[in-house]
Amino acid sequence: MLTCRTGKRIYQTEAVAEDALIDAHSRNNYSGSGPVAVYRCEECGYWHFTSKGAINERLALLLKNGKLNLQQEASQWEKKLKR
């Protein structure tokens, strides 16, 4: 796992960072906290998560239409079945 000198995980492109953001929300129940968007870092030039600012459009759409809840349920079942 690559990290920036800021200590944050590096994502090579904005699209990869957005996919990872949505995956993180699928695996974790942030309940109003946690990362909400991605940004390009001035230190390293790569992409990171942020919990500040406006919510990512793709993430907002998944939350609005209920698809993120379905992904979260699927992730919870995967964890239970792996035990």
PDB file of N, CA and C in Angstrom:
ATOM      1  N   MET A   1       0.841  -1.168   0.000  1.00  0.00           N
ATOM      2  CA  MET A   1       0.000   0.000   0.000  1.00  0.00           C
ATOM      3  C   MET A   1       0.890   1.236   0.000  1.00  0.00           C
ATOM      4  N   LEU A   2       0.674   2.078  -0.977  1.00  0.00           N
ATOM      5  CA  LEU A   2       1.435   3.309  -1.070  1.00  0.00           C
ATOM      6  C   LEU A   2       0.796   4.382  -0.202  1.00  0.00           C
ATOM      7  N   THR A   3       1.638   5.164   0.435  1.00  0.00           N
ATOM      8  CA  THR A   3       1.131   6.277   1.226  1.00  0.00           C
ATOM      9  C   THR A   3       1.892   7.550   0.874  1.00  0.00           C
ATOM     10  N   CYS A   4       1.220   8.645   1.074  1.00  0.00           N
ATOM     11  CA  CYS A   4       1.777   9.981   0.873  1.00  0.00           C
ATOM     12  C   CYS A   4       2.599  10.361   2.111  1.00  0.00           C
ATOM     13  N   ARG A   5       3.413  11.351   2.001  1.00  0.00           N
ATOM     14  CA  ARG A   5       4.156  11.798   3.186  1.00  0.00           C
ATOM     15  C   ARG A   5       3.226  12.362   4.244  1.00  0.00           C
ATOM     16  N   THR A   6       1.971  12.661   3.855  1.00  0.00           N
ATOM     17  CA  THR A   6       0.963  13.102   4.820  1.00  0.00           C
ATOM     18  C   THR A   6       0.425  11.924   5.628  1.00  0.00           C
ATOM     19  N   GLY A   7       0.762  10.694   5.194  1.00  0.00           N
ATOM     20  CA  GLY A   7       0.296   9.501   5.879  1.00  0.00           C
ATOM     21  C   GLY A   7      -0.970   8.907   5.283  1.00  0.00           C
ATOM     22  N   LYS A   8      -1.541   9.583   4.300  1.00  0.00           N
ATOM     23  CA  LYS A   8      -2.763   9.089   3.678  1.00  0.00           C
ATOM     24  C   LYS A   8      -2.446   8.096   2.566  1.00  0.00           C
ATOM     25  N   ARG A   9      -3.393   7.171   2.345  1.00  0.00           N
ATOM     26  CA  ARG A   9      -3.269   6.189   1.279  1.00  0.00           C
ATOM     27  C   ARG A   9      -3.359   6.888  -0.080  1.00  0.00           C
ATOM     28  N   ILE A  10      -2.556   6.414  -1.030  1.00  0.00           N
ATOM     29  CA  ILE A  10      -2.505   6.995  -2.372  1.00  0.00           C
ATOM     30  C   ILE A  10      -3.387   6.194  -3.322  1.00  0.00           C
ATOM     31  N   TYR A  11      -4.152   6.927  -4.125  1.00  0.00           N
ATOM     32  CA  TYR A  11      -4.909   6.341  -5.230  1.00  0.00           C
ATOM     33  C   TYR A  11      -4.412   7.003  -6.509  1.00  0.00           C
ATOM     34  N   GLN A  12      -4.101   6.194  -7.514  1.00  0.00           N
ATOM     35  CA  GLN A  12      -3.464   6.684  -8.736  1.00  0.00           C
ATOM     36  C   GLN A  12      -4.315   7.656  -9.548  1.00  0.00           C
ATOM     37  N   THR A  13      -5.635   7.416  -9.598  1.00  0.00           N
ATOM     38  CA  THR A  13      -6.525   8.269 -10.385  1.00  0.00           C
ATOM     39  C   THR A  13      -7.755   8.644  -9.564  1.00  0.00           C
ATOM     40  N   GLU A  14      -8.474   9.637 -10.041  1.00  0.00           N
ATOM     41  CA  GLU A  14      -9.703  10.041  -9.366  1.00  0.00           C
ATOM     42  C   GLU A  14     -10.732   8.915  -9.401  1.00  0.00           C
ATOM     43  N   ALA A  15     -10.831   8.227 -10.536  1.00  0.00           N
ATOM     44  CA  ALA A  15     -11.804   7.132 -10.668  1.00  0.00           C
ATOM     45  C   ALA A  15     -11.504   6.003  -9.690  1.00  0.00           C
ATOM     46  N   VAL A  16     -10.243   5.649  -9.541  1.00  0.00           N
ATOM     47  CA  VAL A  16      -9.852   4.594  -8.596  1.00  0.00           C
ATOM     48  C   VAL A  16     -10.164   5.041  -7.167  1.00  0.00           C
ATOM     49  N   ALA A  17      -9.903   6.296  -6.867  1.00  0.00           N
ATOM     50  CA  ALA A  17     -10.189   6.829  -5.521  1.00  0.00           C
ATOM     51  C   ALA A  17     -11.691   6.813  -5.238  1.00  0.00           C
ATOM     52  N   GLU A  18     -12.506   7.192  -6.225  1.00  0.00           N
ATOM     53  CA  GLU A  18     -13.957   7.159  -6.043  1.00  0.00           C
ATOM     54  C   GLU A  18     -14.455   5.739  -5.821  1.00  0.00           C
ATOM     55  N   ASP A  19     -13.937   4.789  -6.609  1.00  0.00           N
ATOM     56  CA  ASP A  19     -14.315   3.384  -6.420  1.00  0.00           C
ATOM     57  C   ASP A  19     -13.957   2.917  -5.010  1.00  0.00           C
ATOM     58  N   ALA A  20     -12.768   3.288  -4.547  1.00  0.00           N
ATOM     59  CA  ALA A  20     -12.324   2.898  -3.208  1.00  0.00           C
ATOM     60  C   ALA A  20     -13.180   3.562  -2.131  1.00  0.00           C
ATOM     61  N   LEU A  21     -13.583   4.808  -2.357  1.00  0.00           N
ATOM     62  CA  LEU A  21     -14.446   5.523  -1.418  1.00  0.00           C
ATOM     63  C   LEU A  21     -15.781   4.797  -1.267  1.00  0.00           C
ATOM     64  N   ILE A  22     -16.366   4.412  -2.387  1.00  0.00           N
ATOM     65  CA  ILE A  22     -17.645   3.709  -2.360  1.00  0.00           C
ATOM     66  C   ILE A  22     -17.478   2.333  -1.724  1.00  0.00           C
ATOM     67  N   ASP A  23     -16.388   1.661  -2.035  1.00  0.00           N
ATOM     68  CA  ASP A  23     -16.120   0.357  -1.423  1.00  0.00           C
ATOM     69  C   ASP A  23     -15.960   0.493   0.094  1.00  0.00           C
ATOM     70  N   ALA A  24     -15.277   1.530   0.530  1.00  0.00           N
ATOM     71  CA  ALA A  24     -15.099   1.758   1.975  1.00  0.00           C
ATOM     72  C   ALA A  24     -16.446   1.969   2.656  1.00  0.00           C
ATOM     73  N   HIS A  25     -17.325   2.701   2.002  1.00  0.00           N
ATOM     74  CA  HIS A  25     -18.659   2.914   2.575  1.00  0.00           C
ATOM     75  C   HIS A  25     -19.470   1.621   2.561  1.00  0.00           C
ATOM     76  N   SER A  26     -19.221   0.757   1.585  1.00  0.00           N
ATOM     77  CA  SER A  26     -19.929  -0.529   1.527  1.00  0.00           C
ATOM     78  C   SER A  26     -19.496  -1.447   2.666  1.00  0.00           C
ATOM     79  N   ARG A  27     -18.202  -1.417   2.991  1.00  0.00           N
ATOM     80  CA  ARG A  27     -17.657  -2.308   4.022  1.00  0.00           C
ATOM     81  C   ARG A  27     -17.837  -1.782   5.439  1.00  0.00           C
ATOM     82  N   ASN A  28     -17.940  -0.463   5.580  1.00  0.00           N
ATOM     83  CA  ASN A  28     -18.005   0.162   6.908  1.00  0.00           C
ATOM     84  C   ASN A  28     -19.280   0.970   7.029  1.00  0.00           C
ATOM     85  N   ASN A  29     -19.872   0.913   8.170  1.00  0.00           N
ATOM     86  CA  ASN A  29     -21.060   1.720   8.421  1.00  0.00           C
ATOM     87  C   ASN A  29     -20.612   2.995   9.112  1.00  0.00           C
ATOM     88  N   TYR A  30     -20.360   4.035   8.334  1.00  0.00           N
ATOM     89  CA  TYR A  30     -19.816   5.268   8.890  1.00  0.00           C
ATOM     90  C   TYR A  30     -20.836   6.079   9.679  1.00  0.00           C
ATOM     91  N   SER A  31     -22.118   5.882   9.451  1.00  0.00           N
ATOM     92  CA  SER A  31     -23.191   6.542  10.205  1.00  0.00           C
ATOM     93  C   SER A  31     -22.978   8.049  10.350  1.00  0.00           C
ATOM     94  N   GLY A  32     -22.824   8.714   9.226  1.00  0.00           N
ATOM     95  CA  GLY A  32     -22.696  10.170   9.252  1.00  0.00           C
ATOM     96  C   GLY A  32     -21.293  10.696   9.426  1.00  0.00           C
ATOM     97  N   SER A  33     -20.335   9.819   9.616  1.00  0.00           N
ATOM     98  CA  SER A  33     -18.946  10.262   9.712  1.00  0.00           C
ATOM     99  C   SER A  33     -18.142   9.530   8.643  1.00  0.00           C
ATOM    100  N   GLY A  34     -16.869   9.753   8.610  1.00  0.00           N
ATOM    101  CA  GLY A  34     -16.022   9.072   7.646  1.00  0.00           C
ATOM    102  C   GLY A  34     -15.818   9.883   6.384  1.00  0.00           C
ATOM    103  N   PRO A  35     -15.125   9.309   5.423  1.00  0.00           N
ATOM    104  CA  PRO A  35     -14.805  10.042   4.197  1.00  0.00           C
ATOM    105  C   PRO A  35     -16.056  10.304   3.354  1.00  0.00           C
ATOM    106  N   VAL A  36     -16.100  11.467   2.711  1.00  0.00           N
ATOM    107  CA  VAL A  36     -17.251  11.813   1.873  1.00  0.00           C
ATOM    108  C   VAL A  36     -16.869  12.147   0.440  1.00  0.00           C
ATOM    109  N   ALA A  37     -15.576  12.351   0.185  1.00  0.00           N
ATOM    110  CA  ALA A  37     -15.139  12.756  -1.146  1.00  0.00           C
ATOM    111  C   ALA A  37     -13.665  12.407  -1.346  1.00  0.00           C
ATOM    112  N   VAL A  38     -13.177  12.696  -2.545  1.00  0.00           N
ATOM    113  CA  VAL A  38     -11.758  12.505  -2.858  1.00  0.00           C
ATOM    114  C   VAL A  38     -11.184  13.834  -3.340  1.00  0.00           C
ATOM    115  N   TYR A  39      -9.886  13.988  -3.229  1.00  0.00           N
ATOM    116  CA  TYR A  39      -9.235  15.206  -3.688  1.00  0.00           C
ATOM    117  C   TYR A  39      -7.814  14.894  -4.147  1.00  0.00           C
ATOM    118  N   ARG A  40      -7.287  15.757  -5.030  1.00  0.00           N
ATOM    119  CA  ARG A  40      -5.903  15.621  -5.477  1.00  0.00           C
ATOM    120  C   ARG A  40      -4.995  16.350  -4.483  1.00  0.00           C
ATOM    121  N   CYS A  41      -4.022  15.628  -3.988  1.00  0.00           N
ATOM    122  CA  CYS A  41      -3.097  16.147  -2.977  1.00  0.00           C
ATOM    123  C   CYS A  41      -2.055  17.075  -3.599  1.00  0.00           C
ATOM    124  N   GLU A  42      -1.822  18.198  -2.962  1.00  0.00           N
ATOM    125  CA  GLU A  42      -0.794  19.135  -3.420  1.00  0.00           C
ATOM    126  C   GLU A  42       0.606  18.633  -3.102  1.00  0.00           C
ATOM    127  N   GLU A  43       0.729  17.747  -2.112  1.00  0.00           N
ATOM    128  CA  GLU A  43       2.031  17.211  -1.706  1.00  0.00           C
ATOM    129  C   GLU A  43       2.565  16.174  -2.696  1.00  0.00           C
ATOM    130  N   CYS A  44       1.697  15.213  -3.069  1.00  0.00           N
ATOM    131  CA  CYS A  44       2.166  14.087  -3.886  1.00  0.00           C
ATOM    132  C   CYS A  44       1.548  14.032  -5.284  1.00  0.00           C
ATOM    133  N   GLY A  45       0.464  14.763  -5.494  1.00  0.00           N
ATOM    134  CA  GLY A  45      -0.181  14.776  -6.801  1.00  0.00           C
ATOM    135  C   GLY A  45      -1.158  13.629  -7.033  1.00  0.00           C
ATOM    136  N   TYR A  46      -1.285  12.738  -6.051  1.00  0.00           N
ATOM    137  CA  TYR A  46      -2.222  11.619  -6.176  1.00  0.00           C
ATOM    138  C   TYR A  46      -3.516  11.963  -5.442  1.00  0.00           C
ATOM    139  N   TRP A  47      -4.402  10.992  -5.371  1.00  0.00           N
ATOM    140  CA  TRP A  47      -5.742  11.206  -4.816  1.00  0.00           C
ATOM    141  C   TRP A  47      -5.878  10.579  -3.438  1.00  0.00           C
ATOM    142  N   HIS A  48      -6.632  11.260  -2.551  1.00  0.00           N
ATOM    143  CA  HIS A  48      -6.892  10.794  -1.187  1.00  0.00           C
ATOM    144  C   HIS A  48      -8.367  10.986  -0.859  1.00  0.00           C
ATOM    145  N   PHE A  49      -8.799  10.363   0.254  1.00  0.00           N
ATOM    146  CA  PHE A  49     -10.136  10.595   0.797  1.00  0.00           C
ATOM    147  C   PHE A  49     -10.118  11.851   1.668  1.00  0.00           C
ATOM    148  N   THR A  50     -11.280  12.476   1.802  1.00  0.00           N
ATOM    149  CA  THR A  50     -11.464  13.564   2.745  1.00  0.00           C
ATOM    150  C   THR A  50     -12.834  13.454   3.403  1.00  0.00           C
ATOM    151  N   SER A  51     -12.917  13.885   4.637  1.00  0.00           N
ATOM    152  CA  SER A  51     -14.202  13.904   5.334  1.00  0.00           C
ATOM    153  C   SER A  51     -14.779  15.316   5.350  1.00  0.00           C
ATOM    154  N   LYS A  52     -14.136  16.228   4.648  1.00  0.00           N
ATOM    155  CA  LYS A  52     -14.573  17.619   4.598  1.00  0.00           C
ATOM    156  C   LYS A  52     -15.169  17.941   3.223  1.00  0.00           C
ATOM    157  N   GLY A  53     -16.012  18.948   3.206  1.00  0.00           N
ATOM    158  CA  GLY A  53     -16.549  19.434   1.938  1.00  0.00           C
ATOM    159  C   GLY A  53     -17.798  18.699   1.505  1.00  0.00           C
ATOM    160  N   ALA A  54     -18.146  18.918   0.243  1.00  0.00           N
ATOM    161  CA  ALA A  54     -19.363  18.334  -0.332  1.00  0.00           C
ATOM    162  C   ALA A  54     -19.179  16.846  -0.590  1.00  0.00           C
ATOM    163  N   ILE A  55     -20.259  16.095  -0.461  1.00  0.00           N
ATOM    164  CA  ILE A  55     -20.225  14.663  -0.682  1.00  0.00           C
ATOM    165  C   ILE A  55     -20.026  14.369  -2.176  1.00  0.00           C
ATOM    166  N   ASN A  56     -19.263  13.332  -2.465  1.00  0.00           N
ATOM    167  CA  ASN A  56     -19.013  12.880  -3.827  1.00  0.00           C
ATOM    168  C   ASN A  56     -20.342  12.567  -4.515  1.00  0.00           C
ATOM    169  N   GLU A  57     -20.483  12.981  -5.764  1.00  0.00           N
ATOM    170  CA  GLU A  57     -21.745  12.808  -6.487  1.00  0.00           C
ATOM    171  C   GLU A  57     -22.156  11.340  -6.611  1.00  0.00           C
ATOM    172  N   ARG A  58     -21.215  10.475  -6.950  1.00  0.00           N
ATOM    173  CA  ARG A  58     -21.545   9.042  -7.082  1.00  0.00           C
ATOM    174  C   ARG A  58     -21.986   8.463  -5.752  1.00  0.00           C
ATOM    175  N   LEU A  59     -21.292   8.819  -4.680  1.00  0.00           N
ATOM    176  CA  LEU A  59     -21.644   8.336  -3.352  1.00  0.00           C
ATOM    177  C   LEU A  59     -23.022   8.854  -2.949  1.00  0.00           C
ATOM    178  N   ALA A  60     -23.288  10.122  -3.214  1.00  0.00           N
ATOM    179  CA  ALA A  60     -24.586  10.708  -2.880  1.00  0.00           C
ATOM    180  C   ALA A  60     -25.714  10.002  -3.616  1.00  0.00           C
ATOM    181  N   LEU A  61     -25.499   9.679  -4.881  1.00  0.00           N
ATOM    182  CA  LEU A  61     -26.528   8.990  -5.660  1.00  0.00           C
ATOM    183  C   LEU A  61     -26.798   7.594  -5.106  1.00  0.00           C
ATOM    184  N   LEU A  62     -25.738   6.872  -4.749  1.00  0.00           N
ATOM    185  CA  LEU A  62     -25.901   5.533  -4.172  1.00  0.00           C
ATOM    186  C   LEU A  62     -26.631   5.592  -2.831  1.00  0.00           C
ATOM    187  N   LEU A  63     -26.360   6.604  -2.049  1.00  0.00           N
ATOM    188  CA  LEU A  63     -27.063   6.775  -0.777  1.00  0.00           C
ATOM    189  C   LEU A  63     -28.538   7.099  -1.015  1.00  0.00           C
ATOM    190  N   LYS A  64     -28.779   7.989  -1.966  1.00  0.00           N
ATOM    191  CA  LYS A  64     -30.147   8.437  -2.238  1.00  0.00           C
ATOM    192  C   LYS A  64     -31.035   7.306  -2.761  1.00  0.00           C
ATOM    193  N   ASN A  65     -30.505   6.493  -3.674  1.00  0.00           N
ATOM    194  CA  ASN A  65     -31.345   5.451  -4.276  1.00  0.00           C
ATOM    195  C   ASN A  65     -31.324   4.130  -3.501  1.00  0.00           C
ATOM    196  N   GLY A  66     -30.625   4.100  -2.368  1.00  0.00           N
ATOM    197  CA  GLY A  66     -30.639   2.922  -1.505  1.00  0.00           C
ATOM    198  C   GLY A  66     -29.676   1.812  -1.893  1.00  0.00           C
ATOM    199  N   LYS A  67     -28.932   2.010  -2.962  1.00  0.00           N
ATOM    200  CA  LYS A  67     -28.024   0.951  -3.408  1.00  0.00           C
ATOM    201  C   LYS A  67     -26.852   0.740  -2.458  1.00  0.00           C
ATOM    202  N   LEU A  68     -26.436   1.786  -1.790  1.00  0.00           N
ATOM    203  CA  LEU A  68     -25.331   1.631  -0.842  1.00  0.00           C
ATOM    204  C   LEU A  68     -25.767   0.758   0.331  1.00  0.00           C
ATOM    205  N   ASN A  69     -27.018   0.909   0.769  1.00  0.00           N
ATOM    206  CA  ASN A  69     -27.530   0.058   1.848  1.00  0.00           C
ATOM    207  C   ASN A  69     -27.495  -1.410   1.444  1.00  0.00           C
ATOM    208  N   LEU A  70     -27.852  -1.692   0.208  1.00  0.00           N
ATOM    209  CA  LEU A  70     -27.808  -3.074  -0.285  1.00  0.00           C
ATOM    210  C   LEU A  70     -26.373  -3.602  -0.293  1.00  0.00           C
ATOM    211  N   GLN A  71     -25.434  -2.758  -0.729  1.00  0.00           N
ATOM    212  CA  GLN A  71     -24.024  -3.167  -0.735  1.00  0.00           C
ATOM    213  C   GLN A  71     -23.524  -3.395   0.685  1.00  0.00           C
ATOM    214  N   GLN A  72     -23.969  -2.573   1.631  1.00  0.00           N
ATOM    215  CA  GLN A  72     -23.560  -2.737   3.028  1.00  0.00           C
ATOM    216  C   GLN A  72     -24.102  -4.048   3.595  1.00  0.00           C
ATOM    217  N   GLU A  73     -25.343  -4.374   3.277  1.00  0.00           N
ATOM    218  CA  GLU A  73     -25.929  -5.639   3.732  1.00  0.00           C
ATOM    219  C   GLU A  73     -25.165  -6.821   3.161  1.00  0.00           C
ATOM    220  N   ALA A  74     -24.836  -6.755   1.888  1.00  0.00           N
ATOM    221  CA  ALA A  74     -24.083  -7.835   1.245  1.00  0.00           C
ATOM    222  C   ALA A  74     -22.717  -8.001   1.905  1.00  0.00           C
ATOM    223  N   SER A  75     -22.074  -6.900   2.218  1.00  0.00           N
ATOM    224  CA  SER A  75     -20.770  -6.947   2.871  1.00  0.00           C
ATOM    225  C   SER A  75     -20.865  -7.560   4.266  1.00  0.00           C
ATOM    226  N   GLN A  76     -21.927  -7.222   4.998  1.00  0.00           N
ATOM    227  CA  GLN A  76     -22.120  -7.790   6.337  1.00  0.00           C
ATOM    228  C   GLN A  76     -22.321  -9.305   6.254  1.00  0.00           C
ATOM    229  N   TRP A  77     -23.098  -9.754   5.274  1.00  0.00           N
ATOM    230  CA  TRP A  77     -23.310 -11.194   5.104  1.00  0.00           C
ATOM    231  C   TRP A  77     -22.014 -11.905   4.721  1.00  0.00           C
ATOM    232  N   GLU A  78     -21.208 -11.255   3.874  1.00  0.00           N
ATOM    233  CA  GLU A  78     -19.909 -11.852   3.511  1.00  0.00           C
ATOM    234  C   GLU A  78     -19.059 -12.062   4.750  1.00  0.00           C
ATOM    235  N   LYS A  79     -19.007 -11.051   5.620  1.00  0.00           N
ATOM    236  CA  LYS A  79     -18.220 -11.151   6.860  1.00  0.00           C
ATOM    237  C   LYS A  79     -18.726 -12.291   7.730  1.00  0.00           C
ATOM    238  N   LYS A  80     -20.063 -12.408   7.858  1.00  0.00           N
ATOM    239  CA  LYS A  80     -20.641 -13.465   8.681  1.00  0.00           C
ATOM    240  C   LYS A  80     -20.330 -14.835   8.114  1.00  0.00           C
ATOM    241  N   LEU A  81     -20.413 -14.982   6.816  1.00  0.00           N
ATOM    242  CA  LEU A  81     -20.201 -16.284   6.186  1.00  0.00           C
ATOM    243  C   LEU A  81     -18.731 -16.707   6.185  1.00  0.00           C
ATOM    244  N   LYS A  82     -17.827 -15.757   6.282  1.00  0.00           N
ATOM    245  CA  LYS A  82     -16.390 -16.061   6.293  1.00  0.00           C
ATOM    246  C   LYS A  82     -15.933 -16.598   7.648  1.00  0.00           C
ATOM    247  N   ARG A  83     -16.728 -16.398   8.681  1.00  0.00           N
ATOM    248  CA  ARG A  83     -16.346 -16.837  10.039  1.00  0.00           C
ATOM    249  C   ARG A  83     -16.329 -18.316  10.151  1.00  0.00           C
TER     250      ARG A  83
END
